[in-house]
């Protein structure tokens, strides 16, 4: 699916859970590929994922949603600092388990 998505060299990639159900080695290969592809092509990637370590690694800006509403947004490191957590997964759990 990823090969089909990039075959025409798009300026914007829309990816929904691109590494879901992949083994760790293949998932890491795909994440590395996406990092290099974005760096080389300068395109934008809109990534939807529940894998917060993947989001933290690949995204420069994050929108967190709960029940269809935006509950916070910002750069991954800023969100981590803002919410006093160790990583983006902890931020996500804090935000989605409250109120």
Foldseek 3Di string as FASTA:
>chain_A
DVCVQCVVPDLEAEEEAPCPPHDPVVSVVVLVVLQVSCVVSVGYYHYHDPPQVSCLSRPQKDFADEPRDTPDIDGFVVLCVVVVHDGPNVSNCVRHVDD
